[in-house]
Amino acid sequence: MDPEQRPPQVGKNIQKVRKEKRLTLGHLSQVSGVSKAMLSQIETEKVNPTIATIWKIAQGLQISLNTLLKSNNDEGRRFHVSRSEHITSLDAEEEGVHIKVLSPFSMVEDLEIYLVSLTAGGVLHSQAHIPKTEEFVTVISGSVRVNAGTNMGELHKGDFVSYHSDVKHSIENIGSGEAVVHMVVRFHHPR
């Protein structure tokens, strides 16, 4: 069958969204009014649910009905290569901070990926992002101090930290040489 004509795999769509939202079958059952057993059968594609049932599940997941009815063809799949010569590089307002924006522009304020270089004593100061935004930092080389609100941690090569960045936060090079960190910023958008 032509991929364009395949029916949507509603069960797989429900399971994908449920896992993204870190919900158990039991919790989804409570918020949707659909039994846990029925949800399990739907997710494993053992039963074909009615539109009314799909609507209840969508309401429980706080998403649109159309999200669950999307077809699973490959048109939405992504494979994007950013060549080093096309990666955006910029110097931050603070002296000694150089930033490479690794993620494509289409991901701005969704999931942003950076490579940040800080000379000795360099500090990247950031204002609070939207509520529930998170940052994930891995130290590639050197030593840094990460501050997020009242929290602080010193990290060295190979260390990793994750924190909510909806407060003022900073990354400071506390070593004598250059420090390089890989940073991912995940924005939370209420649905």
N, C-alpha and C. Protein backbone atom coordinates (compact mmCIF):
# COMPACT_ATOMS: atom_id res chain seq x y z
N MET A 1 0.85 -1.19 0.00
CA MET A 1 0.00 0.00 0.00
C MET A 1 0.89 1.25 0.00
N ASP A 2 0.49 2.23 -0.78
CA ASP A 2 1.20 3.51 -0.84
C ASP A 2 1.22 4.13 0.55
N PRO A 3 2.40 4.60 1.03
CA PRO A 3 2.48 5.20 2.37
C PRO A 3 1.49 6.33 2.58
N GLU A 4 1.18 7.07 1.50
CA GLU A 4 0.25 8.20 1.62
C GLU A 4 -1.16 7.72 1.94
N GLN A 5 -1.47 6.43 1.60
CA GLN A 5 -2.83 5.93 1.78
C GLN A 5 -2.98 5.06 3.02
N ARG A 6 -1.90 4.86 3.77
CA ARG A 6 -1.98 4.06 5.00
C ARG A 6 -2.80 4.81 6.04
N PRO A 7 -3.63 4.08 6.78
CA PRO A 7 -4.37 4.76 7.86
C PRO A 7 -3.41 5.14 8.97
N PRO A 8 -3.76 6.16 9.74
CA PRO A 8 -2.86 6.56 10.83
C PRO A 8 -2.79 5.45 11.89
N GLN A 9 -1.63 5.33 12.50
CA GLN A 9 -1.46 4.36 13.58
C GLN A 9 -1.73 5.09 14.88
N VAL A 10 -3.01 5.23 15.19
CA VAL A 10 -3.46 6.01 16.33
C VAL A 10 -2.81 5.52 17.62
N GLY A 11 -2.75 4.21 17.79
CA GLY A 11 -2.17 3.65 19.01
C GLY A 11 -0.73 4.07 19.20
N LYS A 12 0.04 4.01 18.14
CA LYS A 12 1.45 4.40 18.23
C LYS A 12 1.56 5.90 18.51
N ASN A 13 0.68 6.69 17.91
CA ASN A 13 0.68 8.13 18.17
C ASN A 13 0.35 8.42 19.64
N ILE A 14 -0.64 7.70 20.19
CA ILE A 14 -1.00 7.89 21.60
C ILE A 14 0.18 7.53 22.49
N GLN A 15 0.78 6.37 22.20
CA GLN A 15 1.91 5.91 23.02
C GLN A 15 3.07 6.91 22.97
N LYS A 16 3.35 7.43 21.77
CA LYS A 16 4.45 8.39 21.60
C LYS A 16 4.21 9.64 22.44
N VAL A 17 3.01 10.21 22.35
CA VAL A 17 2.70 11.43 23.10
C VAL A 17 2.68 11.14 24.60
N ARG A 18 2.11 10.00 24.98
CA ARG A 18 2.05 9.65 26.41
C ARG A 18 3.45 9.55 27.00
N LYS A 19 4.37 8.91 26.27
CA LYS A 19 5.75 8.77 26.76
C LYS A 19 6.47 10.11 26.78
N GLU A 20 6.22 10.94 25.76
CA GLU A 20 6.83 12.28 25.75
C GLU A 20 6.40 13.09 26.97
N LYS A 21 5.15 12.88 27.39
CA LYS A 21 4.62 13.60 28.54
C LYS A 21 4.89 12.86 29.85
N ARG A 22 5.59 11.74 29.74
CA ARG A 22 5.97 10.92 30.91
C ARG A 22 4.77 10.51 31.75
N LEU A 23 3.73 10.04 31.07
CA LEU A 23 2.53 9.57 31.74
C LEU A 23 2.48 8.06 31.72
N THR A 24 2.00 7.46 32.79
CA THR A 24 1.76 6.02 32.80
C THR A 24 0.40 5.75 32.18
N LEU A 25 0.14 4.50 31.84
CA LEU A 25 -1.18 4.13 31.33
C LEU A 25 -2.25 4.44 32.38
N GLY A 26 -1.90 4.19 33.65
CA GLY A 26 -2.84 4.45 34.73
C GLY A 26 -3.22 5.92 34.84
N HIS A 27 -2.22 6.79 34.72
CA HIS A 27 -2.50 8.22 34.81
C HIS A 27 -3.33 8.69 33.61
N LEU A 28 -2.98 8.21 32.41
CA LEU A 28 -3.75 8.59 31.22
C LEU A 28 -5.18 8.09 31.35
N SER A 29 -5.36 6.90 31.93
CA SER A 29 -6.70 6.37 32.15
C SER A 29 -7.51 7.30 33.05
N GLN A 30 -6.89 7.79 34.13
CA GLN A 30 -7.57 8.68 35.06
C GLN A 30 -7.99 9.99 34.40
N VAL A 31 -7.09 10.59 33.61
CA VAL A 31 -7.39 11.91 33.04
C VAL A 31 -8.26 11.84 31.79
N SER A 32 -8.33 10.66 31.16
CA SER A 32 -9.12 10.54 29.92
C SER A 32 -10.46 9.85 30.13
N GLY A 33 -10.57 9.04 31.18
CA GLY A 33 -11.80 8.28 31.38
C GLY A 33 -11.86 7.01 30.55
N VAL A 34 -10.75 6.64 29.92
CA VAL A 34 -10.66 5.40 29.13
C VAL A 34 -9.89 4.39 29.97
N SER A 35 -10.41 3.17 30.06
CA SER A 35 -9.79 2.18 30.94
C SER A 35 -8.35 1.89 30.53
N LYS A 36 -7.56 1.52 31.54
CA LYS A 36 -6.15 1.18 31.32
C LYS A 36 -6.03 0.01 30.34
N ALA A 37 -6.91 -0.99 30.49
CA ALA A 37 -6.88 -2.16 29.60
C ALA A 37 -7.16 -1.73 28.15
N MET A 38 -8.14 -0.85 27.98
CA MET A 38 -8.48 -0.38 26.62
C MET A 38 -7.33 0.42 26.04
N LEU A 39 -6.71 1.29 26.86
CA LEU A 39 -5.57 2.08 26.39
C LEU A 39 -4.44 1.16 25.93
N SER A 40 -4.17 0.12 26.70
CA SER A 40 -3.12 -0.83 26.34
C SER A 40 -3.42 -1.49 25.00
N GLN A 41 -4.66 -1.91 24.81
CA GLN A 41 -5.04 -2.55 23.54
C GLN A 41 -4.96 -1.58 22.37
N ILE A 42 -5.32 -0.31 22.62
CA ILE A 42 -5.24 0.70 21.56
C ILE A 42 -3.78 0.95 21.18
N GLU A 43 -2.92 1.13 22.19
CA GLU A 43 -1.51 1.41 21.92
C GLU A 43 -0.83 0.27 21.18
N THR A 44 -1.23 -0.94 21.41
CA THR A 44 -0.62 -2.09 20.72
C THR A 44 -1.36 -2.43 19.43
N GLU A 45 -2.29 -1.53 19.04
CA GLU A 45 -3.04 -1.66 17.78
C GLU A 45 -3.86 -2.96 17.72
N LYS A 46 -4.32 -3.46 18.89
CA LYS A 46 -5.15 -4.67 18.94
C LYS A 46 -6.62 -4.35 18.75
N VAL A 47 -6.99 -3.09 19.01
CA VAL A 47 -8.37 -2.67 18.77
C VAL A 47 -8.35 -1.36 17.99
N ASN A 48 -9.44 -1.11 17.29
CA ASN A 48 -9.59 0.11 16.51
C ASN A 48 -10.57 1.01 17.27
N PRO A 49 -10.09 2.05 17.95
CA PRO A 49 -10.97 2.86 18.80
C PRO A 49 -11.92 3.75 18.00
N THR A 50 -13.02 4.11 18.64
CA THR A 50 -13.97 5.03 18.01
C THR A 50 -13.39 6.45 18.08
N ILE A 51 -13.94 7.32 17.28
CA ILE A 51 -13.52 8.73 17.31
C ILE A 51 -13.79 9.32 18.70
N ALA A 52 -14.90 8.93 19.32
CA ALA A 52 -15.22 9.45 20.66
C ALA A 52 -14.13 9.04 21.66
N THR A 53 -13.64 7.81 21.56
CA THR A 53 -12.59 7.34 22.46
C THR A 53 -11.29 8.09 22.20
N ILE A 54 -10.95 8.27 20.92
CA ILE A 54 -9.74 9.01 20.57
C ILE A 54 -9.84 10.45 21.08
N TRP A 55 -11.03 11.04 20.97
CA TRP A 55 -11.24 12.41 21.46
C TRP A 55 -11.00 12.48 22.96
N LYS A 56 -11.52 11.49 23.73
CA LYS A 56 -11.30 11.47 25.19
C LYS A 56 -9.81 11.38 25.51
N ILE A 57 -9.10 10.54 24.76
CA ILE A 57 -7.67 10.38 25.00
C ILE A 57 -6.93 11.68 24.69
N ALA A 58 -7.30 12.30 23.57
CA ALA A 58 -6.67 13.58 23.19
C ALA A 58 -6.91 14.63 24.27
N GLN A 59 -8.12 14.67 24.82
CA GLN A 59 -8.42 15.62 25.90
C GLN A 59 -7.56 15.32 27.12
N GLY A 60 -7.41 14.04 27.44
CA GLY A 60 -6.58 13.65 28.58
C GLY A 60 -5.12 14.02 28.39
N LEU A 61 -4.64 13.94 27.14
CA LEU A 61 -3.26 14.27 26.81
C LEU A 61 -3.08 15.78 26.60
N GLN A 62 -4.19 16.51 26.57
CA GLN A 62 -4.20 17.95 26.34
C GLN A 62 -3.57 18.31 24.99
N ILE A 63 -4.00 17.57 23.96
CA ILE A 63 -3.55 17.83 22.60
C ILE A 63 -4.76 17.80 21.68
N SER A 64 -4.57 18.20 20.44
CA SER A 64 -5.69 18.20 19.49
C SER A 64 -5.94 16.78 18.98
N LEU A 65 -7.16 16.54 18.59
CA LEU A 65 -7.54 15.25 18.01
C LEU A 65 -6.69 14.95 16.77
N ASN A 66 -6.43 16.00 15.98
CA ASN A 66 -5.65 15.82 14.75
C ASN A 66 -4.25 15.27 15.01
N THR A 67 -3.67 15.61 16.16
CA THR A 67 -2.33 15.12 16.48
C THR A 67 -2.33 13.60 16.53
N LEU A 68 -3.39 13.02 17.06
CA LEU A 68 -3.46 11.55 17.15
C LEU A 68 -3.86 10.90 15.84
N LEU A 69 -4.46 11.68 14.95
CA LEU A 69 -4.90 11.13 13.67
C LEU A 69 -3.89 11.33 12.54
N LYS A 70 -2.72 11.90 12.88
CA LYS A 70 -1.70 12.12 11.85
C LYS A 70 -1.25 10.79 11.27
N SER A 71 -1.02 10.79 9.98
CA SER A 71 -0.49 9.60 9.31
C SER A 71 0.97 9.44 9.66
N ASN A 72 1.43 8.21 9.65
CA ASN A 72 2.82 7.93 10.04
C ASN A 72 3.74 7.75 8.85
N ASN A 73 3.50 8.49 7.77
CA ASN A 73 4.44 8.35 6.65
C ASN A 73 5.70 9.13 6.97
N ASP A 74 6.68 9.04 6.13
CA ASP A 74 7.99 9.62 6.41
C ASP A 74 8.13 11.09 6.05
N GLU A 75 7.08 11.75 5.58
CA GLU A 75 7.25 13.13 5.12
C GLU A 75 7.72 14.07 6.23
N GLY A 76 7.40 13.78 7.48
CA GLY A 76 7.81 14.65 8.57
C GLY A 76 9.16 14.30 9.17
N ARG A 77 9.80 13.27 8.66
CA ARG A 77 11.08 12.86 9.22
C ARG A 77 12.16 13.85 8.81
N ARG A 78 13.13 14.03 9.68
CA ARG A 78 14.14 15.05 9.46
C ARG A 78 15.53 14.44 9.43
N PHE A 79 16.35 14.98 8.56
CA PHE A 79 17.78 14.66 8.52
C PHE A 79 18.45 15.94 8.06
N HIS A 80 19.07 16.67 8.99
CA HIS A 80 19.62 17.99 8.67
C HIS A 80 21.10 18.02 9.03
N VAL A 81 21.93 18.35 8.07
CA VAL A 81 23.37 18.48 8.30
C VAL A 81 23.73 19.96 8.28
N SER A 82 24.45 20.40 9.31
CA SER A 82 24.97 21.76 9.34
C SER A 82 26.47 21.68 9.15
N ARG A 83 26.95 22.14 8.03
CA ARG A 83 28.39 22.13 7.76
C ARG A 83 29.07 23.20 8.61
N SER A 84 30.28 22.90 9.06
CA SER A 84 30.97 23.80 9.98
C SER A 84 31.09 25.21 9.43
N GLU A 85 31.29 25.33 8.12
CA GLU A 85 31.45 26.67 7.55
C GLU A 85 30.13 27.46 7.51
N HIS A 86 29.00 26.78 7.76
CA HIS A 86 27.70 27.46 7.75
C HIS A 86 27.11 27.61 9.15
N ILE A 87 27.81 27.13 10.17
CA ILE A 87 27.32 27.26 11.53
C ILE A 87 27.50 28.70 11.99
N THR A 88 26.45 29.26 12.56
CA THR A 88 26.50 30.64 13.04
C THR A 88 27.41 30.73 14.26
N SER A 89 28.35 31.64 14.21
CA SER A 89 29.25 31.90 15.34
C SER A 89 29.09 33.35 15.75
N LEU A 90 29.09 33.57 17.05
CA LEU A 90 28.99 34.94 17.53
C LEU A 90 29.72 35.10 18.84
N ASP A 91 30.16 36.32 19.09
CA ASP A 91 30.78 36.65 20.36
C ASP A 91 29.70 37.25 21.24
N ALA A 92 29.61 36.76 22.47
CA ALA A 92 28.62 37.28 23.40
C ALA A 92 29.00 38.70 23.82
N GLU A 93 28.07 39.38 24.46
CA GLU A 93 28.34 40.74 24.94
C GLU A 93 29.50 40.73 25.93
N GLU A 94 29.61 39.65 26.70
CA GLU A 94 30.70 39.54 27.66
C GLU A 94 31.99 39.20 26.93
N GLU A 95 33.07 39.80 27.33
CA GLU A 95 34.37 39.52 26.70
C GLU A 95 34.80 38.10 27.04
N GLY A 96 35.39 37.44 26.05
CA GLY A 96 35.93 36.10 26.28
C GLY A 96 34.93 34.98 26.11
N VAL A 97 33.74 35.28 25.56
CA VAL A 97 32.72 34.25 25.36
C VAL A 97 32.39 34.17 23.87
N HIS A 98 32.60 32.98 23.31
CA HIS A 98 32.32 32.74 21.89
C HIS A 98 31.30 31.62 21.79
N ILE A 99 30.26 31.81 20.97
CA ILE A 99 29.17 30.85 20.88
C ILE A 99 28.98 30.38 19.45
N LYS A 100 28.89 29.06 19.26
CA LYS A 100 28.51 28.48 17.97
C LYS A 100 27.11 27.92 18.12
N VAL A 101 26.21 28.31 17.23
CA VAL A 101 24.83 27.84 17.26
C VAL A 101 24.76 26.61 16.35
N LEU A 102 24.69 25.43 16.96
CA LEU A 102 24.71 24.19 16.19
C LEU A 102 23.34 23.80 15.63
N SER A 103 22.28 24.18 16.31
CA SER A 103 20.94 23.79 15.86
C SER A 103 20.47 24.70 14.74
N PRO A 104 19.64 24.16 13.81
CA PRO A 104 19.12 24.98 12.71
C PRO A 104 18.16 26.04 13.22
N PHE A 105 18.01 27.10 12.46
CA PHE A 105 17.16 28.22 12.81
C PHE A 105 15.73 27.77 13.08
N SER A 106 15.27 26.72 12.38
CA SER A 106 13.89 26.25 12.52
C SER A 106 13.60 25.75 13.93
N MET A 107 14.63 25.50 14.73
CA MET A 107 14.44 24.97 16.08
C MET A 107 14.48 26.05 17.16
N VAL A 108 14.63 27.32 16.77
CA VAL A 108 14.74 28.41 17.73
C VAL A 108 13.54 28.41 18.68
N GLU A 109 13.83 28.57 19.97
CA GLU A 109 12.86 28.60 21.05
C GLU A 109 12.06 27.31 21.15
N ASP A 110 12.67 26.21 20.68
CA ASP A 110 12.10 24.89 20.87
C ASP A 110 13.19 24.04 21.52
N LEU A 111 14.20 23.74 20.75
CA LEU A 111 15.38 23.02 21.25
C LEU A 111 16.58 23.67 20.58
N GLU A 112 17.44 24.30 21.38
CA GLU A 112 18.59 25.00 20.84
C GLU A 112 19.87 24.33 21.35
N ILE A 113 20.85 24.20 20.46
CA ILE A 113 22.08 23.48 20.78
C ILE A 113 23.26 24.40 20.48
N TYR A 114 24.17 24.53 21.46
CA TYR A 114 25.29 25.45 21.35
C TYR A 114 26.60 24.78 21.74
N LEU A 115 27.70 25.32 21.20
CA LEU A 115 29.05 25.02 21.67
C LEU A 115 29.59 26.36 22.15
N VAL A 116 29.89 26.44 23.45
CA VAL A 116 30.29 27.71 24.06
C VAL A 116 31.75 27.61 24.50
N SER A 117 32.58 28.55 24.03
CA SER A 117 33.99 28.63 24.43
C SER A 117 34.16 29.86 25.32
N LEU A 118 34.84 29.66 26.45
CA LEU A 118 35.08 30.76 27.38
C LEU A 118 36.56 30.85 27.68
N THR A 119 37.15 32.03 27.47
CA THR A 119 38.55 32.22 27.85
C THR A 119 38.62 32.25 29.37
N ALA A 120 39.82 32.18 29.93
CA ALA A 120 39.98 32.20 31.39
C ALA A 120 39.26 33.42 31.97
N GLY A 121 38.39 33.18 32.94
CA GLY A 121 37.63 34.26 33.56
C GLY A 121 36.38 34.66 32.81
N GLY A 122 36.16 34.12 31.60
CA GLY A 122 34.98 34.48 30.82
C GLY A 122 33.69 33.97 31.46
N VAL A 123 32.64 34.78 31.38
CA VAL A 123 31.35 34.42 31.97
C VAL A 123 30.24 34.68 30.96
N LEU A 124 29.38 33.69 30.78
CA LEU A 124 28.18 33.86 29.96
C LEU A 124 27.01 34.06 30.92
N HIS A 125 26.47 35.29 30.96
CA HIS A 125 25.32 35.61 31.81
C HIS A 125 24.06 35.50 30.98
N SER A 126 23.02 34.90 31.53
CA SER A 126 21.75 34.77 30.82
C SER A 126 20.60 35.18 31.73
N GLN A 127 19.64 35.88 31.14
CA GLN A 127 18.42 36.22 31.86
C GLN A 127 17.52 34.99 31.93
N ALA A 128 16.50 35.04 32.75
CA ALA A 128 15.55 33.93 32.89
C ALA A 128 14.83 33.70 31.56
N HIS A 129 14.72 32.42 31.19
CA HIS A 129 13.96 32.03 30.00
C HIS A 129 12.50 31.83 30.43
N ILE A 130 11.66 31.43 29.48
CA ILE A 130 10.24 31.21 29.80
C ILE A 130 10.13 30.10 30.85
N PRO A 131 9.05 30.09 31.64
CA PRO A 131 8.90 29.10 32.71
C PRO A 131 9.13 27.66 32.23
N LYS A 132 9.81 26.91 33.08
CA LYS A 132 10.11 25.49 32.92
C LYS A 132 11.16 25.18 31.85
N THR A 133 11.80 26.21 31.27
CA THR A 133 12.88 25.96 30.32
C THR A 133 14.02 25.27 31.06
N GLU A 134 14.68 24.33 30.39
CA GLU A 134 15.78 23.59 31.00
C GLU A 134 17.03 23.74 30.15
N GLU A 135 18.18 23.68 30.80
CA GLU A 135 19.46 23.65 30.10
C GLU A 135 20.22 22.41 30.53
N PHE A 136 20.96 21.85 29.57
CA PHE A 136 21.76 20.65 29.79
C PHE A 136 23.17 20.98 29.32
N VAL A 137 24.14 20.94 30.23
CA VAL A 137 25.50 21.37 29.92
C VAL A 137 26.47 20.22 30.17
N THR A 138 27.31 19.96 29.17
CA THR A 138 28.39 18.98 29.29
C THR A 138 29.70 19.73 29.09
N VAL A 139 30.65 19.53 30.00
CA VAL A 139 31.95 20.19 29.89
C VAL A 139 32.84 19.36 28.96
N ILE A 140 33.23 19.97 27.84
CA ILE A 140 34.11 19.30 26.87
C ILE A 140 35.56 19.44 27.29
N SER A 141 35.93 20.63 27.77
CA SER A 141 37.28 20.85 28.27
C SER A 141 37.27 21.98 29.29
N GLY A 142 38.24 21.94 30.20
CA GLY A 142 38.35 22.99 31.21
C GLY A 142 37.46 22.77 32.41
N SER A 143 37.26 23.84 33.17
CA SER A 143 36.44 23.80 34.39
C SER A 143 35.54 25.03 34.41
N VAL A 144 34.29 24.83 34.81
CA VAL A 144 33.33 25.94 34.84
C VAL A 144 32.53 25.91 36.13
N ARG A 145 31.95 27.06 36.46
CA ARG A 145 31.00 27.16 37.55
C ARG A 145 29.66 27.54 36.92
N VAL A 146 28.64 26.75 37.21
CA VAL A 146 27.30 27.03 36.71
C VAL A 146 26.45 27.52 37.86
N ASN A 147 25.82 28.66 37.68
CA ASN A 147 24.89 29.23 38.65
C ASN A 147 23.51 29.30 38.01
N ALA A 148 22.49 28.84 38.74
CA ALA A 148 21.11 28.95 38.27
C ALA A 148 20.27 29.31 39.49
N GLY A 149 19.89 30.59 39.57
CA GLY A 149 19.17 31.04 40.76
C GLY A 149 20.08 30.90 41.97
N THR A 150 19.64 30.15 42.97
CA THR A 150 20.43 29.96 44.18
C THR A 150 21.31 28.71 44.12
N ASN A 151 21.24 27.97 43.02
CA ASN A 151 22.03 26.74 42.87
C ASN A 151 23.36 27.03 42.19
N MET A 152 24.41 26.30 42.60
CA MET A 152 25.73 26.48 42.01
C MET A 152 26.44 25.15 42.01
N GLY A 153 27.21 24.91 40.94
CA GLY A 153 28.02 23.70 40.88
C GLY A 153 29.27 23.94 40.06
N GLU A 154 30.38 23.35 40.50
CA GLU A 154 31.63 23.40 39.74
C GLU A 154 31.76 22.12 38.95
N LEU A 155 32.07 22.25 37.67
CA LEU A 155 32.15 21.10 36.79
C LEU A 155 33.49 21.08 36.08
N HIS A 156 33.94 19.88 35.78
CA HIS A 156 35.20 19.68 35.09
C HIS A 156 34.97 18.80 33.86
N LYS A 157 35.99 18.66 33.05
CA LYS A 157 35.90 17.90 31.80
C LYS A 157 35.12 16.60 32.00
N GLY A 158 34.10 16.41 31.17
CA GLY A 158 33.27 15.21 31.22
C GLY A 158 32.07 15.30 32.13
N ASP A 159 32.01 16.33 32.99
CA ASP A 159 30.87 16.49 33.90
C ASP A 159 29.66 17.02 33.14
N PHE A 160 28.49 16.74 33.70
CA PHE A 160 27.22 17.13 33.10
C PHE A 160 26.32 17.72 34.17
N VAL A 161 25.56 18.74 33.82
CA VAL A 161 24.57 19.31 34.73
C VAL A 161 23.31 19.65 33.94
N SER A 162 22.17 19.47 34.59
CA SER A 162 20.90 19.92 34.01
C SER A 162 20.21 20.79 35.06
N TYR A 163 19.52 21.83 34.61
CA TYR A 163 18.89 22.75 35.55
C TYR A 163 17.80 23.53 34.85
N HIS A 164 16.86 24.01 35.65
CA HIS A 164 15.84 24.91 35.11
C HIS A 164 16.51 26.27 34.90
N SER A 165 16.28 26.83 33.72
CA SER A 165 16.90 28.11 33.38
C SER A 165 15.86 29.22 33.26
N ASP A 166 14.78 29.07 34.04
CA ASP A 166 13.77 30.13 34.09
C ASP A 166 14.06 31.10 35.23
N VAL A 167 15.35 31.14 35.59
CA VAL A 167 15.91 32.09 36.57
C VAL A 167 17.20 32.64 35.95
N LYS A 168 17.72 33.73 36.50
CA LYS A 168 19.02 34.21 36.01
C LYS A 168 20.03 33.10 36.20
N HIS A 169 20.89 32.91 35.21
CA HIS A 169 21.87 31.83 35.29
C HIS A 169 23.14 32.23 34.55
N SER A 170 24.23 31.53 34.86
CA SER A 170 25.50 31.86 34.22
C SER A 170 26.41 30.65 34.17
N ILE A 171 27.36 30.72 33.23
CA ILE A 171 28.42 29.72 33.12
C ILE A 171 29.73 30.50 33.13
N GLU A 172 30.61 30.19 34.09
CA GLU A 172 31.85 30.93 34.25
C GLU A 172 33.05 29.99 34.16
N ASN A 173 34.04 30.39 33.38
CA ASN A 173 35.28 29.61 33.29
C ASN A 173 36.09 29.89 34.55
N ILE A 174 36.32 28.86 35.38
CA ILE A 174 37.07 29.04 36.62
C ILE A 174 38.48 28.47 36.51
N GLY A 175 38.84 28.00 35.31
CA GLY A 175 40.19 27.45 35.11
C GLY A 175 41.14 28.49 34.56
N SER A 176 42.38 28.06 34.34
CA SER A 176 43.40 28.98 33.84
C SER A 176 43.48 29.00 32.32
N GLY A 177 42.89 28.00 31.66
CA GLY A 177 42.88 27.96 30.19
C GLY A 177 41.46 28.08 29.66
N GLU A 178 41.29 27.84 28.37
CA GLU A 178 39.97 27.90 27.75
C GLU A 178 39.09 26.77 28.27
N ALA A 179 37.80 27.05 28.41
CA ALA A 179 36.80 26.03 28.74
C ALA A 179 35.81 25.97 27.58
N VAL A 180 35.38 24.75 27.24
CA VAL A 180 34.40 24.56 26.17
C VAL A 180 33.27 23.70 26.74
N VAL A 181 32.04 24.17 26.55
CA VAL A 181 30.88 23.40 27.00
C VAL A 181 29.90 23.21 25.84
N HIS A 182 29.24 22.07 25.87
CA HIS A 182 28.14 21.78 24.94
C HIS A 182 26.86 22.04 25.71
N MET A 183 25.99 22.89 25.18
CA MET A 183 24.78 23.28 25.90
C MET A 183 23.55 23.05 25.04
N VAL A 184 22.55 22.43 25.65
CA VAL A 184 21.25 22.23 25.01
C VAL A 184 20.22 22.98 25.84
N VAL A 185 19.39 23.77 25.17
CA VAL A 185 18.32 24.50 25.84
C VAL A 185 17.00 23.94 25.33
N ARG A 186 16.19 23.42 26.26
CA ARG A 186 14.87 22.87 25.89
C ARG A 186 13.81 23.77 26.48
N PHE A 187 13.02 24.40 25.59
CA PHE A 187 11.98 25.32 26.02
C PHE A 187 10.68 24.54 26.28
N HIS A 188 9.97 24.96 27.29
CA HIS A 188 8.68 24.35 27.63
C HIS A 188 7.58 25.24 27.09
N HIS A 189 6.76 24.69 26.22
CA HIS A 189 5.63 25.45 25.68
C HIS A 189 4.35 24.76 26.13
N PRO A 190 3.56 25.41 26.99
CA PRO A 190 2.31 24.79 27.42
C PRO A 190 1.44 24.49 26.22
N ARG A 191 0.81 23.34 26.23
CA ARG A 191 -0.02 22.93 25.08
C ARG A 191 -1.45 23.31 25.32
